Amino acid sequence: YSMIATDSSLIFNGTASIILTLQAASSYTGRILYVKTIAAFTVDSASANVAPLGSATAGTAILAATAGKWAMLQSNGTNWVIMAGN
């Protein structure tokens, strides 16, 4: 899935892992995006532009392969930072 400018929350119920193409963080500084999966498949970014909860080092992982996982991402102008999640 490719994020569009009006997306604020995304819920995935796929039959395989999802690759999410996020908008450029530099274009949306401060913007918040909620991502949730209701299927037991991973959600990963198409680019290494997601900083996890415990690190500033960007990677591709957004959600683990567990139904009910969610994350709140916020753009810091460089990357999408996971600010909260389970």
PDB file of N, CA and C in Angstrom:
ATOM      1  N   TYR A   1       0.842  -1.175   0.000  1.00  0.00           N
ATOM      2  CA  TYR A   1       0.000   0.000   0.000  1.00  0.00           C
ATOM      3  C   TYR A   1       0.884   1.233   0.000  1.00  0.00           C
ATOM      4  N   SER A   2       0.498   2.250  -0.744  1.00  0.00           N
ATOM      5  CA  SER A   2       1.200   3.534  -0.752  1.00  0.00           C
ATOM      6  C   SER A   2       0.357   4.562  -0.019  1.00  0.00           C
ATOM      7  N   MET A   3       0.912   5.098   1.054  1.00  0.00           N
ATOM      8  CA  MET A   3       0.236   6.127   1.844  1.00  0.00           C
ATOM      9  C   MET A   3      -0.090   7.323   0.958  1.00  0.00           C
ATOM     10  N   ILE A   4      -1.287   7.882   1.143  1.00  0.00           N
ATOM     11  CA  ILE A   4      -1.657   9.098   0.424  1.00  0.00           C
ATOM     12  C   ILE A   4      -1.729  10.256   1.419  1.00  0.00           C
ATOM     13  N   ALA A   5      -1.746  11.459   0.917  1.00  0.00           N
ATOM     14  CA  ALA A   5      -1.651  12.659   1.754  1.00  0.00           C
ATOM     15  C   ALA A   5      -2.753  12.759   2.797  1.00  0.00           C
ATOM     16  N   THR A   6      -3.913  12.181   2.544  1.00  0.00           N
ATOM     17  CA  THR A   6      -5.038  12.306   3.473  1.00  0.00           C
ATOM     18  C   THR A   6      -5.135  11.166   4.486  1.00  0.00           C
ATOM     19  N   ASP A   7      -4.254  10.179   4.412  1.00  0.00           N
ATOM     20  CA  ASP A   7      -4.283   9.065   5.371  1.00  0.00           C
ATOM     21  C   ASP A   7      -3.917   9.552   6.771  1.00  0.00           C
ATOM     22  N   SER A   8      -4.704   9.135   7.755  1.00  0.00           N
ATOM     23  CA  SER A   8      -4.358   9.410   9.155  1.00  0.00           C
ATOM     24  C   SER A   8      -4.307   8.115   9.959  1.00  0.00           C
ATOM     25  N   SER A   9      -5.020   7.101   9.497  1.00  0.00           N
ATOM     26  CA  SER A   9      -4.945   5.787  10.126  1.00  0.00           C
ATOM     27  C   SER A   9      -5.134   4.722   9.056  1.00  0.00           C
ATOM     28  N   LEU A  10      -4.401   3.636   9.222  1.00  0.00           N
ATOM     29  CA  LEU A  10      -4.450   2.532   8.267  1.00  0.00           C
ATOM     30  C   LEU A  10      -4.647   1.238   9.038  1.00  0.00           C
ATOM     31  N   ILE A  11      -5.606   0.440   8.612  1.00  0.00           N
ATOM     32  CA  ILE A  11      -5.855  -0.864   9.218  1.00  0.00           C
ATOM     33  C   ILE A  11      -5.676  -1.912   8.129  1.00  0.00           C
ATOM     34  N   PHE A  12      -4.788  -2.861   8.386  1.00  0.00           N
ATOM     35  CA  PHE A  12      -4.489  -3.893   7.403  1.00  0.00           C
ATOM     36  C   PHE A  12      -5.054  -5.233   7.845  1.00  0.00           C
ATOM     37  N   ASN A  13      -5.654  -5.946   6.879  1.00  0.00           N
ATOM     38  CA  ASN A  13      -6.209  -7.277   7.105  1.00  0.00           C
ATOM     39  C   ASN A  13      -5.833  -8.141   5.910  1.00  0.00           C
ATOM     40  N   GLY A  14      -4.532  -8.230   5.668  1.00  0.00           N
ATOM     41  CA  GLY A  14      -4.051  -8.922   4.488  1.00  0.00           C
ATOM     42  C   GLY A  14      -3.905 -10.417   4.682  1.00  0.00           C
ATOM     43  N   THR A  15      -3.547 -11.084   3.597  1.00  0.00           N
ATOM     44  CA  THR A  15      -3.297 -12.521   3.622  1.00  0.00           C
ATOM     45  C   THR A  15      -1.808 -12.810   3.489  1.00  0.00           C
ATOM     46  N   ALA A  16      -1.007 -11.756   3.561  1.00  0.00           N
ATOM     47  CA  ALA A  16       0.452 -11.861   3.505  1.00  0.00           C
ATOM     48  C   ALA A  16       1.022 -10.586   4.116  1.00  0.00           C
ATOM     49  N   SER A  17       2.323 -10.566   4.304  1.00  0.00           N
ATOM     50  CA  SER A  17       2.968  -9.377   4.853  1.00  0.00           C
ATOM     51  C   SER A  17       2.700  -8.163   3.971  1.00  0.00           C
ATOM     52  N   ILE A  18       2.632  -7.002   4.614  1.00  0.00           N
ATOM     53  CA  ILE A  18       2.319  -5.751   3.922  1.00  0.00           C
ATOM     54  C   ILE A  18       3.585  -4.910   3.816  1.00  0.00           C
ATOM     55  N   ILE A  19       3.821  -4.352   2.648  1.00  0.00           N
ATOM     56  CA  ILE A  19       4.875  -3.359   2.457  1.00  0.00           C
ATOM     57  C   ILE A  19       4.177  -2.012   2.302  1.00  0.00           C
ATOM     58  N   LEU A  20       4.486  -1.095   3.214  1.00  0.00           N
ATOM     59  CA  LEU A  20       3.861   0.223   3.244  1.00  0.00           C
ATOM     60  C   LEU A  20       4.853   1.261   2.743  1.00  0.00           C
ATOM     61  N   THR A  21       4.475   1.974   1.697  1.00  0.00           N
ATOM     62  CA  THR A  21       5.284   3.081   1.203  1.00  0.00           C
ATOM     63  C   THR A  21       4.776   4.348   1.864  1.00  0.00           C
ATOM     64  N   LEU A  22       5.587   4.870   2.789  1.00  0.00           N
ATOM     65  CA  LEU A  22       5.216   6.076   3.525  1.00  0.00           C
ATOM     66  C   LEU A  22       5.559   7.318   2.707  1.00  0.00           C
ATOM     67  N   GLN A  23       4.790   8.385   2.896  1.00  0.00           N
ATOM     68  CA  GLN A  23       5.126   9.668   2.289  1.00  0.00           C
ATOM     69  C   GLN A  23       6.469  10.128   2.859  1.00  0.00           C
ATOM     70  N   ALA A  24       7.153  11.007   2.161  1.00  0.00           N
ATOM     71  CA  ALA A  24       8.438  11.523   2.638  1.00  0.00           C
ATOM     72  C   ALA A  24       8.247  12.247   3.965  1.00  0.00           C
ATOM     73  N   ALA A  25       9.000  11.834   4.976  1.00  0.00           N
ATOM     74  CA  ALA A  25       8.892  12.461   6.302  1.00  0.00           C
ATOM     75  C   ALA A  25       9.195  13.955   6.229  1.00  0.00           C
ATOM     76  N   SER A  26      10.068  14.350   5.323  1.00  0.00           N
ATOM     77  CA  SER A  26      10.440  15.765   5.194  1.00  0.00           C
ATOM     78  C   SER A  26       9.276  16.634   4.730  1.00  0.00           C
ATOM     79  N   SER A  27       8.297  16.037   4.095  1.00  0.00           N
ATOM     80  CA  SER A  27       7.127  16.788   3.619  1.00  0.00           C
ATOM     81  C   SER A  27       6.036  16.911   4.672  1.00  0.00           C
ATOM     82  N   TYR A  28       6.153  16.169   5.778  1.00  0.00           N
ATOM     83  CA  TYR A  28       5.071  16.101   6.765  1.00  0.00           C
ATOM     84  C   TYR A  28       5.580  16.192   8.202  1.00  0.00           C
ATOM     85  N   THR A  29       6.517  17.078   8.487  1.00  0.00           N
ATOM     86  CA  THR A  29       7.065  17.199   9.842  1.00  0.00           C
ATOM     87  C   THR A  29       5.947  17.390  10.865  1.00  0.00           C
ATOM     88  N   GLY A  30       5.959  16.561  11.894  1.00  0.00           N
ATOM     89  CA  GLY A  30       4.959  16.635  12.959  1.00  0.00           C
ATOM     90  C   GLY A  30       3.714  15.802  12.723  1.00  0.00           C
ATOM     91  N   ARG A  31       3.530  15.326  11.521  1.00  0.00           N
ATOM     92  CA  ARG A  31       2.327  14.558  11.194  1.00  0.00           C
ATOM     93  C   ARG A  31       2.320  13.215  11.910  1.00  0.00           C
ATOM     94  N   ILE A  32       1.131  12.789  12.313  1.00  0.00           N
ATOM     95  CA  ILE A  32       0.946  11.511  13.002  1.00  0.00           C
ATOM     96  C   ILE A  32       0.155  10.561  12.110  1.00  0.00           C
ATOM     97  N   LEU A  33       0.580   9.296  12.085  1.00  0.00           N
ATOM     98  CA  LEU A  33      -0.099   8.247  11.332  1.00  0.00           C
ATOM     99  C   LEU A  33      -0.228   7.028  12.237  1.00  0.00           C
ATOM    100  N   TYR A  34      -1.436   6.498  12.343  1.00  0.00           N
ATOM    101  CA  TYR A  34      -1.679   5.269  13.097  1.00  0.00           C
ATOM    102  C   TYR A  34      -1.713   4.102  12.125  1.00  0.00           C
ATOM    103  N   VAL A  35      -1.050   3.016  12.495  1.00  0.00           N
ATOM    104  CA  VAL A  35      -1.009   1.808  11.674  1.00  0.00           C
ATOM    105  C   VAL A  35      -1.395   0.627  12.559  1.00  0.00           C
ATOM    106  N   LYS A  36      -2.302  -0.220  12.062  1.00  0.00           N
ATOM    107  CA  LYS A  36      -2.759  -1.383  12.817  1.00  0.00           C
ATOM    108  C   LYS A  36      -2.908  -2.564  11.869  1.00  0.00           C
ATOM    109  N   THR A  37      -2.642  -3.761  12.384  1.00  0.00           N
ATOM    110  CA  THR A  37      -2.925  -4.972  11.624  1.00  0.00           C
ATOM    111  C   THR A  37      -3.890  -5.840  12.419  1.00  0.00           C
ATOM    112  N   ILE A  38      -4.867  -6.389  11.732  1.00  0.00           N
ATOM    113  CA  ILE A  38      -5.789  -7.320  12.378  1.00  0.00           C
ATOM    114  C   ILE A  38      -5.566  -8.741  11.858  1.00  0.00           C
ATOM    115  N   ALA A  39      -4.461  -8.911  11.139  1.00  0.00           N
ATOM    116  CA  ALA A  39      -4.052 -10.226  10.643  1.00  0.00           C
ATOM    117  C   ALA A  39      -2.648 -10.518  11.173  1.00  0.00           C
ATOM    118  N   ALA A  40      -2.276 -11.762  11.213  1.00  0.00           N
ATOM    119  CA  ALA A  40      -0.972 -12.159  11.758  1.00  0.00           C
ATOM    120  C   ALA A  40       0.122 -12.093  10.698  1.00  0.00           C
ATOM    121  N   PHE A  41       0.307 -10.904  10.128  1.00  0.00           N
ATOM    122  CA  PHE A  41       1.352 -10.671   9.134  1.00  0.00           C
ATOM    123  C   PHE A  41       2.065  -9.369   9.460  1.00  0.00           C
ATOM    124  N   THR A  42       3.349  -9.290   9.135  1.00  0.00           N
ATOM    125  CA  THR A  42       4.120  -8.082   9.408  1.00  0.00           C
ATOM    126  C   THR A  42       3.662  -6.920   8.537  1.00  0.00           C
ATOM    127  N   VAL A  43       3.933  -5.722   9.033  1.00  0.00           N
ATOM    128  CA  VAL A  43       3.799  -4.502   8.240  1.00  0.00           C
ATOM    129  C   VAL A  43       5.173  -3.846   8.278  1.00  0.00           C
ATOM    130  N   ASP A  44       5.768  -3.674   7.110  1.00  0.00           N
ATOM    131  CA  ASP A  44       7.098  -3.086   6.984  1.00  0.00           C
ATOM    132  C   ASP A  44       7.064  -1.913   6.024  1.00  0.00           C
ATOM    133  N   SER A  45       7.981  -0.981   6.238  1.00  0.00           N
ATOM    134  CA  SER A  45       8.124   0.150   5.330  1.00  0.00           C
ATOM    135  C   SER A  45       8.898  -0.287   4.095  1.00  0.00           C
ATOM    136  N   ALA A  46       8.590   0.316   2.965  1.00  0.00           N
ATOM    137  CA  ALA A  46       9.312   0.030   1.729  1.00  0.00           C
ATOM    138  C   ALA A  46      10.731   0.598   1.778  1.00  0.00           C
ATOM    139  N   SER A  47      10.971   1.566   2.667  1.00  0.00           N
ATOM    140  CA  SER A  47      12.291   2.192   2.827  1.00  0.00           C
ATOM    141  C   SER A  47      12.717   2.110   4.286  1.00  0.00           C
ATOM    142  N   ALA A  48      14.004   2.248   4.541  1.00  0.00           N
ATOM    143  CA  ALA A  48      14.517   2.259   5.924  1.00  0.00           C
ATOM    144  C   ALA A  48      14.328   3.661   6.504  1.00  0.00           C
ATOM    145  N   ASN A  49      13.060   3.991   6.818  1.00  0.00           N
ATOM    146  CA  ASN A  49      12.726   5.336   7.291  1.00  0.00           C
ATOM    147  C   ASN A  49      11.827   5.321   8.526  1.00  0.00           C
ATOM    148  N   VAL A  50      11.878   4.230   9.297  1.00  0.00           N
ATOM    149  CA  VAL A  50      11.052   4.100  10.501  1.00  0.00           C
ATOM    150  C   VAL A  50      11.967   3.837  11.698  1.00  0.00           C
ATOM    151  N   ALA A  51      11.957   4.764  12.667  1.00  0.00           N
ATOM    152  CA  ALA A  51      12.754   4.596  13.887  1.00  0.00           C
ATOM    153  C   ALA A  51      11.893   3.899  14.935  1.00  0.00           C
ATOM    154  N   PRO A  52      12.363   2.770  15.490  1.00  0.00           N
ATOM    155  CA  PRO A  52      11.569   2.029  16.474  1.00  0.00           C
ATOM    156  C   PRO A  52      11.505   2.744  17.823  1.00  0.00           C
ATOM    157  N   LEU A  53      10.671   2.222  18.717  1.00  0.00           N
ATOM    158  CA  LEU A  53      10.488   2.820  20.044  1.00  0.00           C
ATOM    159  C   LEU A  53      11.798   3.006  20.802  1.00  0.00           C
ATOM    160  N   GLY A  54      12.679   2.034  20.769  1.00  0.00           N
ATOM    161  CA  GLY A  54      13.868   2.068  21.606  1.00  0.00           C
ATOM    162  C   GLY A  54      15.143   2.516  20.929  1.00  0.00           C
ATOM    163  N   SER A  55      15.048   3.160  19.766  1.00  0.00           N
ATOM    164  CA  SER A  55      16.256   3.514  19.026  1.00  0.00           C
ATOM    165  C   SER A  55      15.981   4.679  18.084  1.00  0.00           C
ATOM    166  N   ALA A  56      17.039   5.392  17.736  1.00  0.00           N
ATOM    167  CA  ALA A  56      16.922   6.456  16.738  1.00  0.00           C
ATOM    168  C   ALA A  56      17.375   5.973  15.366  1.00  0.00           C
ATOM    169  N   THR A  57      17.816   4.723  15.292  1.00  0.00           N
ATOM    170  CA  THR A  57      18.303   4.164  14.037  1.00  0.00           C
ATOM    171  C   THR A  57      17.136   3.650  13.208  1.00  0.00           C
ATOM    172  N   ALA A  58      16.941   4.242  12.054  1.00  0.00           N
ATOM    173  CA  ALA A  58      15.807   3.883  11.201  1.00  0.00           C
ATOM    174  C   ALA A  58      16.009   2.528  10.538  1.00  0.00           C
ATOM    175  N   GLY A  59      14.910   1.808  10.416  1.00  0.00           N
ATOM    176  CA  GLY A  59      14.875   0.531   9.723  1.00  0.00           C
ATOM    177  C   GLY A  59      13.567   0.427   8.964  1.00  0.00           C
ATOM    178  N   THR A  60      13.135  -0.785   8.679  1.00  0.00           N
ATOM    179  CA  THR A  60      11.901  -0.971   7.915  1.00  0.00           C
ATOM    180  C   THR A  60      10.742  -1.509   8.742  1.00  0.00           C
ATOM    181  N   ALA A  61      11.016  -2.109   9.894  1.00  0.00           N
ATOM    182  CA  ALA A  61       9.962  -2.759  10.691  1.00  0.00           C
ATOM    183  C   ALA A  61       8.983  -1.741  11.270  1.00  0.00           C
ATOM    184  N   ILE A  62       7.692  -2.014  11.097  1.00  0.00           N
ATOM    185  CA  ILE A  62       6.643  -1.203  11.716  1.00  0.00           C
ATOM    186  C   ILE A  62       5.864  -2.065  12.703  1.00  0.00           C
ATOM    187  N   LEU A  63       5.303  -3.188  12.236  1.00  0.00           N
ATOM    188  CA  LEU A  63       4.513  -4.063  13.102  1.00  0.00           C
ATOM    189  C   LEU A  63       4.954  -5.516  12.959  1.00  0.00           C
ATOM    190  N   ALA A  64       4.974  -6.215  14.088  1.00  0.00           N
ATOM    191  CA  ALA A  64       5.273  -7.647  14.094  1.00  0.00           C
ATOM    192  C   ALA A  64       4.078  -8.432  13.553  1.00  0.00           C
ATOM    193  N   ALA A  65       4.302  -9.694  13.259  1.00  0.00           N
ATOM    194  CA  ALA A  65       3.276 -10.558  12.663  1.00  0.00           C
ATOM    195  C   ALA A  65       2.323 -11.097  13.719  1.00  0.00           C
ATOM    196  N   THR A  66       1.594 -10.200  14.360  1.00  0.00           N
ATOM    197  CA  THR A  66       0.634 -10.567  15.400  1.00  0.00           C
ATOM    198  C   THR A  66      -0.635  -9.747  15.207  1.00  0.00           C
ATOM    199  N   ALA A  67      -1.768 -10.404  15.099  1.00  0.00           N
ATOM    200  CA  ALA A  67      -3.036  -9.682  14.960  1.00  0.00           C
ATOM    201  C   ALA A  67      -3.233  -8.762  16.157  1.00  0.00           C
ATOM    202  N   GLY A  68      -3.671  -7.543  15.900  1.00  0.00           N
ATOM    203  CA  GLY A  68      -3.922  -6.578  16.961  1.00  0.00           C
ATOM    204  C   GLY A  68      -2.768  -5.634  17.231  1.00  0.00           C
ATOM    205  N   LYS A  69      -1.622  -5.833  16.589  1.00  0.00           N
ATOM    206  CA  LYS A  69      -0.499  -4.914  16.770  1.00  0.00           C
ATOM    207  C   LYS A  69      -0.847  -3.560  16.160  1.00  0.00           C
ATOM    208  N   TRP A  70      -0.360  -2.496  16.799  1.00  0.00           N
ATOM    209  CA  TRP A  70      -0.588  -1.143  16.300  1.00  0.00           C
ATOM    210  C   TRP A  70       0.612  -0.267  16.649  1.00  0.00           C
ATOM    211  N   ALA A  71       0.752   0.836  15.936  1.00  0.00           N
ATOM    212  CA  ALA A  71       1.812   1.800  16.219  1.00  0.00           C
ATOM    213  C   ALA A  71       1.344   3.190  15.827  1.00  0.00           C
ATOM    214  N   MET A  72       1.782   4.171  16.605  1.00  0.00           N
ATOM    215  CA  MET A  72       1.579   5.574  16.262  1.00  0.00           C
ATOM    216  C   MET A  72       2.917   6.095  15.756  1.00  0.00           C
ATOM    217  N   LEU A  73       2.953   6.504  14.510  1.00  0.00           N
ATOM    218  CA  LEU A  73       4.166   7.040  13.907  1.00  0.00           C
ATOM    219  C   LEU A  73       4.047   8.554  13.815  1.00  0.00           C
ATOM    220  N   GLN A  74       5.157   9.253  14.033  1.00  0.00           N
ATOM    221  CA  GLN A  74       5.176  10.702  13.863  1.00  0.00           C
ATOM    222  C   GLN A  74       6.417  11.072  13.064  1.00  0.00           C
ATOM    223  N   SER A  75       6.227  11.952  12.102  1.00  0.00           N
ATOM    224  CA  SER A  75       7.348  12.408  11.294  1.00  0.00           C
ATOM    225  C   SER A  75       8.167  13.433  12.075  1.00  0.00           C
ATOM    226  N   ASN A  76       9.492  13.248  12.078  1.00  0.00           N
ATOM    227  CA  ASN A  76      10.374  14.245  12.686  1.00  0.00           C
ATOM    228  C   ASN A  76      11.089  15.067  11.620  1.00  0.00           C
ATOM    229  N   GLY A  77      10.627  14.959  10.385  1.00  0.00           N
ATOM    230  CA  GLY A  77      11.226  15.689   9.280  1.00  0.00           C
ATOM    231  C   GLY A  77      12.302  14.905   8.551  1.00  0.00           C
ATOM    232  N   THR A  78      12.777  13.827   9.173  1.00  0.00           N
ATOM    233  CA  THR A  78      13.777  12.955   8.556  1.00  0.00           C
ATOM    234  C   THR A  78      13.245  11.539   8.409  1.00  0.00           C
ATOM    235  N   ASN A  79      12.651  11.026   9.493  1.00  0.00           N
ATOM    236  CA  ASN A  79      12.103   9.669   9.527  1.00  0.00           C
ATOM    237  C   ASN A  79      10.716   9.677  10.145  1.00  0.00           C
ATOM    238  N   TRP A  80      10.063   8.541  10.073  1.00  0.00           N
ATOM    239  CA  TRP A  80       8.822   8.298  10.804  1.00  0.00           C
ATOM    240  C   TRP A  80       9.223   7.579  12.085  1.00  0.00           C
ATOM    241  N   VAL A  81       8.902   8.159  13.226  1.00  0.00           N
ATOM    242  CA  VAL A  81       9.316   7.644  14.524  1.00  0.00           C
ATOM    243  C   VAL A  81       8.132   6.951  15.193  1.00  0.00           C
ATOM    244  N   ILE A  82       8.322   5.711  15.642  1.00  0.00           N
ATOM    245  CA  ILE A  82       7.270   5.022  16.386  1.00  0.00           C
ATOM    246  C   ILE A  82       7.242   5.616  17.792  1.00  0.00           C
ATOM    247  N   MET A  83       6.178   6.338  18.100  1.00  0.00           N
ATOM    248  CA  MET A  83       6.037   7.038  19.379  1.00  0.00           C
ATOM    249  C   MET A  83       5.321   6.184  20.423  1.00  0.00           C
ATOM    250  N   ALA A  84       4.468   5.277  19.970  1.00  0.00           N
ATOM    251  CA  ALA A  84       3.699   4.408  20.866  1.00  0.00           C
ATOM    252  C   ALA A  84       3.268   3.187  20.068  1.00  0.00           C
ATOM    253  N   GLY A  85       2.965   2.124  20.775  1.00  0.00           N
ATOM    254  CA  GLY A  85       2.494   0.916  20.111  1.00  0.00           C
ATOM    255  C   GLY A  85       2.494  -0.253  21.077  1.00  0.00           C
ATOM    256  N   ASN A  86       2.093  -1.402  20.549  1.00  0.00           N
ATOM    257  CA  ASN A  86       2.089  -2.609  21.380  1.00  0.00           C
ATOM    258  C   ASN A  86       2.769  -3.756  20.672  1.00  0.00           C
TER     259      ASN A  86
END
